[in-house]
Amino acid sequence: MLKKISNVPFSGTPEQEAKLKAVIEECKDDKSLLMHVMQKAQEIYDYLPIEVQKMIAEGMGVPLQKVYGVSTFYAQFALSPKGKYNVSVCLGTACYVKGSQEILDEITKILGIGEGECTADLKFSIEACRCIGACGLAPVFTVNDDVYGRVTPDQVKDILAKYN
């Protein structure tokens, strides 16, 4: 599945930029440390927006395409910020068979964003996962650490309303 580029405007701080530049300065002479720099950047910003990817590419002396390629290949990297409430819908076999795709579709419709995206107010983000280990409660989704099982599409709106 392709990762989506953030629909939220970048709002990094000078302090974050200074931290990233310090990491890059330490590592810039060893291109094999690109992944390390990217991991540190994600720790600093919580995700890797294109603006951060450009800083890394320029600072490390590598093509932006390489940084983007690594950020989209590895699941540990996010191109969009996580919302205050991260909604994760299980699409594992048991959940999928019991209708989790319909749950995901309803959530994206209600929030007006797609999988891998965050609302502009940074309140909600949506992701799909493969299994959360609650197959007996299928279909399941979580909002942060809250687990909702045996959910039907018509229950989604009321569940999400608890977080407004």
C-alpha atoms as a PDB file:
ATOM      1  CA  MET A   1       0.000   0.000   0.000  1.00  0.00           C
ATOM      2  CA  LEU A   2       1.361   3.437  -0.900  1.00  0.00           C
ATOM      3  CA  LYS A   3       1.904   5.910   1.891  1.00  0.00           C
ATOM      4  CA  LYS A   4       0.098   9.185   1.465  1.00  0.00           C
ATOM      5  CA  ILE A   5       1.844  12.497   1.789  1.00  0.00           C
ATOM      6  CA  SER A   6       0.481  14.615   4.607  1.00  0.00           C
ATOM      7  CA  ASN A   7      -2.520  16.833   4.023  1.00  0.00           C
ATOM      8  CA  VAL A   8      -1.544  18.854   7.127  1.00  0.00           C
ATOM      9  CA  PRO A   9       0.666  21.940   6.634  1.00  0.00           C
ATOM     10  CA  PHE A  10       4.187  21.543   8.027  1.00  0.00           C
ATOM     11  CA  SER A  11       4.724  23.449  11.260  1.00  0.00           C
ATOM     12  CA  GLY A  12       8.192  22.559  12.496  1.00  0.00           C
ATOM     13  CA  THR A  13       9.842  24.749  15.119  1.00  0.00           C
ATOM     14  CA  PRO A  14      13.313  26.319  15.059  1.00  0.00           C
ATOM     15  CA  GLU A  15      14.214  24.069  18.011  1.00  0.00           C
ATOM     16  CA  GLN A  16      13.283  20.952  16.035  1.00  0.00           C
ATOM     17  CA  GLU A  17      15.277  22.161  13.036  1.00  0.00           C
ATOM     18  CA  ALA A  18      18.315  22.816  15.234  1.00  0.00           C
ATOM     19  CA  LYS A  19      18.107  19.296  16.689  1.00  0.00           C
ATOM     20  CA  LEU A  20      17.865  17.758  13.228  1.00  0.00           C
ATOM     21  CA  LYS A  21      20.755  19.833  11.894  1.00  0.00           C
ATOM     22  CA  ALA A  22      22.911  18.694  14.832  1.00  0.00           C
ATOM     23  CA  VAL A  23      22.160  15.042  14.015  1.00  0.00           C
ATOM     24  CA  ILE A  24      22.892  15.611  10.339  1.00  0.00           C
ATOM     25  CA  GLU A  25      26.160  17.397  11.169  1.00  0.00           C
ATOM     26  CA  GLU A  26      27.299  14.381  13.206  1.00  0.00           C
ATOM     27  CA  CYS A  27      26.488  11.940  10.419  1.00  0.00           C
ATOM     28  CA  LYS A  28      26.895  13.826   7.156  1.00  0.00           C
ATOM     29  CA  ASP A  29      30.231  12.236   6.214  1.00  0.00           C
ATOM     30  CA  ASP A  30      28.881   8.671   6.396  1.00  0.00           C
ATOM     31  CA  LYS A  31      26.040   8.034   3.947  1.00  0.00           C
ATOM     32  CA  SER A  32      25.438   4.624   5.565  1.00  0.00           C
ATOM     33  CA  LEU A  33      23.917   6.558   8.500  1.00  0.00           C
ATOM     34  CA  LEU A  34      21.004   7.838   6.398  1.00  0.00           C
ATOM     35  CA  MET A  35      18.517   5.500   8.087  1.00  0.00           C
ATOM     36  CA  HIS A  36      19.799   6.562  11.526  1.00  0.00           C
ATOM     37  CA  VAL A  37      19.337  10.243  10.617  1.00  0.00           C
ATOM     38  CA  MET A  38      15.829   9.539   9.349  1.00  0.00           C
ATOM     39  CA  GLN A  39      14.941   7.687  12.557  1.00  0.00           C
ATOM     40  CA  LYS A  40      16.212  10.608  14.639  1.00  0.00           C
ATOM     41  CA  ALA A  41      14.263  13.039  12.437  1.00  0.00           C
ATOM     42  CA  GLN A  42      11.093  11.060  13.032  1.00  0.00           C
ATOM     43  CA  GLU A  43      11.770  11.134  16.788  1.00  0.00           C
ATOM     44  CA  ILE A  44      12.122  14.923  16.574  1.00  0.00           C
ATOM     45  CA  TYR A  45       9.104  15.646  14.345  1.00  0.00           C
ATOM     46  CA  ASP A  46       6.984  12.476  14.914  1.00  0.00           C
ATOM     47  CA  TYR A  47       6.770  12.049  11.143  1.00  0.00           C
ATOM     48  CA  LEU A  48       8.789  12.801   7.980  1.00  0.00           C
ATOM     49  CA  PRO A  49       7.121  15.561   5.982  1.00  0.00           C
ATOM     50  CA  ILE A  50       8.700  16.457   2.645  1.00  0.00           C
ATOM     51  CA  GLU A  51      10.281  19.551   4.216  1.00  0.00           C
ATOM     52  CA  VAL A  52      12.208  17.347   6.664  1.00  0.00           C
ATOM     53  CA  GLN A  53      13.120  14.895   3.915  1.00  0.00           C
ATOM     54  CA  LYS A  54      14.610  17.797   1.925  1.00  0.00           C
ATOM     55  CA  MET A  55      16.689  18.902   4.941  1.00  0.00           C
ATOM     56  CA  ILE A  56      17.998  15.368   5.338  1.00  0.00           C
ATOM     57  CA  ALA A  57      18.781  14.976   1.640  1.00  0.00           C
ATOM     58  CA  GLU A  58      20.622  18.298   1.431  1.00  0.00           C
ATOM     59  CA  GLY A  59      22.461  17.792   4.708  1.00  0.00           C
ATOM     60  CA  MET A  60      23.523  14.226   3.964  1.00  0.00           C
ATOM     61  CA  GLY A  61      24.354  14.933   0.323  1.00  0.00           C
ATOM     62  CA  VAL A  62      21.991  12.299  -1.037  1.00  0.00           C
ATOM     63  CA  PRO A  63      19.217  12.644  -3.602  1.00  0.00           C
ATOM     64  CA  LEU A  64      15.780  13.494  -2.233  1.00  0.00           C
ATOM     65  CA  GLN A  65      14.468  10.473  -4.150  1.00  0.00           C
ATOM     66  CA  LYS A  66      16.615   8.197  -1.972  1.00  0.00           C
ATOM     67  CA  VAL A  67      15.287   9.713   1.267  1.00  0.00           C
ATOM     68  CA  TYR A  68      11.728   9.490  -0.037  1.00  0.00           C
ATOM     69  CA  GLY A  69      12.296   5.916  -1.194  1.00  0.00           C
ATOM     70  CA  VAL A  70      13.514   4.834   2.246  1.00  0.00           C
ATOM     71  CA  SER A  71      10.697   6.704   4.008  1.00  0.00           C
ATOM     72  CA  THR A  72       8.041   5.021   1.881  1.00  0.00           C
ATOM     73  CA  PHE A  73       9.614   1.541   1.946  1.00  0.00           C
ATOM     74  CA  TYR A  74       9.908   1.069   5.698  1.00  0.00           C
ATOM     75  CA  ALA A  75       6.727   0.887   7.773  1.00  0.00           C
ATOM     76  CA  GLN A  76       8.430   2.610  10.723  1.00  0.00           C
ATOM     77  CA  PHE A  77       8.350   5.942   8.892  1.00  0.00           C
ATOM     78  CA  ALA A  78       5.206   8.078   8.669  1.00  0.00           C
ATOM     79  CA  LEU A  79       4.675  10.813   6.077  1.00  0.00           C
ATOM     80  CA  SER A  80       1.717  12.272   7.933  1.00  0.00           C
ATOM     81  CA  PRO A  81       1.420  13.267  11.592  1.00  0.00           C
ATOM     82  CA  LYS A  82      -0.603  11.222  14.025  1.00  0.00           C
ATOM     83  CA  GLY A  83      -3.671  12.881  15.446  1.00  0.00           C
ATOM     84  CA  LYS A  84      -4.435  13.299  19.116  1.00  0.00           C
ATOM     85  CA  TYR A  85      -6.718  10.316  18.547  1.00  0.00           C
ATOM     86  CA  ASN A  86      -5.173   7.644  16.352  1.00  0.00           C
ATOM     87  CA  VAL A  87      -7.845   5.359  14.938  1.00  0.00           C
ATOM     88  CA  SER A  88      -6.534   1.957  13.876  1.00  0.00           C
ATOM     89  CA  VAL A  89      -8.814  -0.492  12.082  1.00  0.00           C
ATOM     90  CA  CYS A  90      -7.866  -4.166  12.035  1.00  0.00           C
ATOM     91  CA  LEU A  91      -7.946  -5.641   8.541  1.00  0.00           C
ATOM     92  CA  GLY A  92      -6.669  -9.065   9.618  1.00  0.00           C
ATOM     93  CA  THR A  93      -8.510 -12.077   8.258  1.00  0.00           C
ATOM     94  CA  ALA A  94     -11.036 -12.523  11.077  1.00  0.00           C
ATOM     95  CA  CYS A  95     -11.891  -8.818  11.196  1.00  0.00           C
ATOM     96  CA  TYR A  96     -11.960  -8.442   7.427  1.00  0.00           C
ATOM     97  CA  VAL A  97     -14.359 -11.381   7.015  1.00  0.00           C
ATOM     98  CA  LYS A  98     -16.634  -9.849   9.665  1.00  0.00           C
ATOM     99  CA  GLY A  99     -16.761  -6.437   7.934  1.00  0.00           C
ATOM    100  CA  SER A 100     -13.823  -4.321   9.066  1.00  0.00           C
ATOM    101  CA  GLN A 101     -13.427  -2.779   5.592  1.00  0.00           C
ATOM    102  CA  GLU A 102     -16.913  -1.329   5.971  1.00  0.00           C
ATOM    103  CA  ILE A 103     -15.884   0.035   9.390  1.00  0.00           C
ATOM    104  CA  LEU A 104     -12.807   1.663   7.838  1.00  0.00           C
ATOM    105  CA  ASP A 105     -14.925   3.107   5.021  1.00  0.00           C
ATOM    106  CA  GLU A 106     -17.381   4.585   7.527  1.00  0.00           C
ATOM    107  CA  ILE A 107     -14.586   6.133   9.614  1.00  0.00           C
ATOM    108  CA  THR A 108     -12.967   7.723   6.562  1.00  0.00           C
ATOM    109  CA  LYS A 109     -16.361   9.065   5.464  1.00  0.00           C
ATOM    110  CA  ILE A 110     -17.133  10.576   8.876  1.00  0.00           C
ATOM    111  CA  LEU A 111     -13.693  12.122   9.364  1.00  0.00           C
ATOM    112  CA  GLY A 112     -13.232  13.182   5.745  1.00  0.00           C
ATOM    113  CA  ILE A 113      -9.722  11.743   5.499  1.00  0.00           C
ATOM    114  CA  GLY A 114      -8.246   8.562   4.119  1.00  0.00           C
ATOM    115  CA  GLU A 115      -6.085   5.866   5.605  1.00  0.00           C
ATOM    116  CA  GLY A 116      -2.669   7.245   6.556  1.00  0.00           C
ATOM    117  CA  GLU A 117      -3.999  10.789   6.827  1.00  0.00           C
ATOM    118  CA  CYS A 118      -4.643  13.197   9.668  1.00  0.00           C
ATOM    119  CA  THR A 119      -7.416  15.757  10.032  1.00  0.00           C
ATOM    120  CA  ALA A 120      -6.293  19.358   9.525  1.00  0.00           C
ATOM    121  CA  ASP A 121      -6.964  20.123  13.204  1.00  0.00           C
ATOM    122  CA  LEU A 122      -4.618  17.227  14.175  1.00  0.00           C
ATOM    123  CA  LYS A 123      -7.439  15.642  16.149  1.00  0.00           C
ATOM    124  CA  PHE A 124      -7.801  12.305  14.311  1.00  0.00           C
ATOM    125  CA  SER A 125      -5.594  10.102  12.187  1.00  0.00           C
ATOM    126  CA  ILE A 126      -6.520   6.796  10.588  1.00  0.00           C
ATOM    127  CA  GLU A 127      -4.466   3.710   9.906  1.00  0.00           C
ATOM    128  CA  ALA A 128      -5.167   0.102   9.050  1.00  0.00           C
ATOM    129  CA  CYS A 129      -3.340  -2.742  10.725  1.00  0.00           C
ATOM    130  CA  ARG A 130      -3.172  -6.428   9.997  1.00  0.00           C
ATOM    131  CA  CYS A 131      -4.036  -7.926  13.406  1.00  0.00           C
ATOM    132  CA  ILE A 132      -4.334  -6.593  16.931  1.00  0.00           C
ATOM    133  CA  GLY A 133      -4.882  -9.986  18.508  1.00  0.00           C
ATOM    134  CA  ALA A 134      -8.554  -9.575  19.379  1.00  0.00           C
ATOM    135  CA  CYS A 135      -9.944 -11.907  16.721  1.00  0.00           C
ATOM    136  CA  GLY A 136     -12.768 -13.091  18.995  1.00  0.00           C
ATOM    137  CA  LEU A 137     -14.127  -9.534  19.008  1.00  0.00           C
ATOM    138  CA  ALA A 138     -14.006  -9.077  15.221  1.00  0.00           C
ATOM    139  CA  PRO A 139     -14.408  -6.608  13.672  1.00  0.00           C
ATOM    140  CA  VAL A 140     -12.209  -4.456  15.891  1.00  0.00           C
ATOM    141  CA  PHE A 141     -10.819  -0.940  15.825  1.00  0.00           C
ATOM    142  CA  THR A 142      -8.958   1.123  18.376  1.00  0.00           C
ATOM    143  CA  VAL A 143      -8.842   4.774  19.280  1.00  0.00           C
ATOM    144  CA  ASN A 144      -5.486   5.166  20.995  1.00  0.00           C
ATOM    145  CA  ASP A 145      -5.637   2.459  23.702  1.00  0.00           C
ATOM    146  CA  ASP A 146      -9.434   2.052  23.671  1.00  0.00           C
ATOM    147  CA  VAL A 147     -10.568  -1.145  21.922  1.00  0.00           C
ATOM    148  CA  TYR A 148     -13.966  -1.418  20.223  1.00  0.00           C
ATOM    149  CA  GLY A 149     -15.115  -4.895  19.225  1.00  0.00           C
ATOM    150  CA  ARG A 150     -18.042  -6.396  17.379  1.00  0.00           C
ATOM    151  CA  VAL A 151     -18.591  -2.992  15.816  1.00  0.00           C
ATOM    152  CA  THR A 152     -21.109  -2.296  13.084  1.00  0.00           C
ATOM    153  CA  PRO A 153     -20.851   0.658  10.690  1.00  0.00           C
ATOM    154  CA  ASP A 154     -23.862   2.359  12.295  1.00  0.00           C
ATOM    155  CA  GLN A 155     -22.053   2.447  15.680  1.00  0.00           C
ATOM    156  CA  VAL A 156     -18.964   4.250  14.374  1.00  0.00           C
ATOM    157  CA  LYS A 157     -20.367   7.793  14.510  1.00  0.00           C
ATOM    158  CA  ASP A 158     -21.325   7.510  18.190  1.00  0.00           C
ATOM    159  CA  ILE A 159     -17.957   5.961  19.092  1.00  0.00           C
ATOM    160  CA  LEU A 160     -16.015   8.753  17.386  1.00  0.00           C
ATOM    161  CA  ALA A 161     -18.275  11.377  18.979  1.00  0.00           C
ATOM    162  CA  LYS A 162     -16.855  10.377  22.388  1.00  0.00           C
ATOM    163  CA  TYR A 163     -13.570  11.972  21.316  1.00  0.00           C
ATOM    164  CA  ASN A 164     -14.937  15.351  20.208  1.00  0.00           C
END
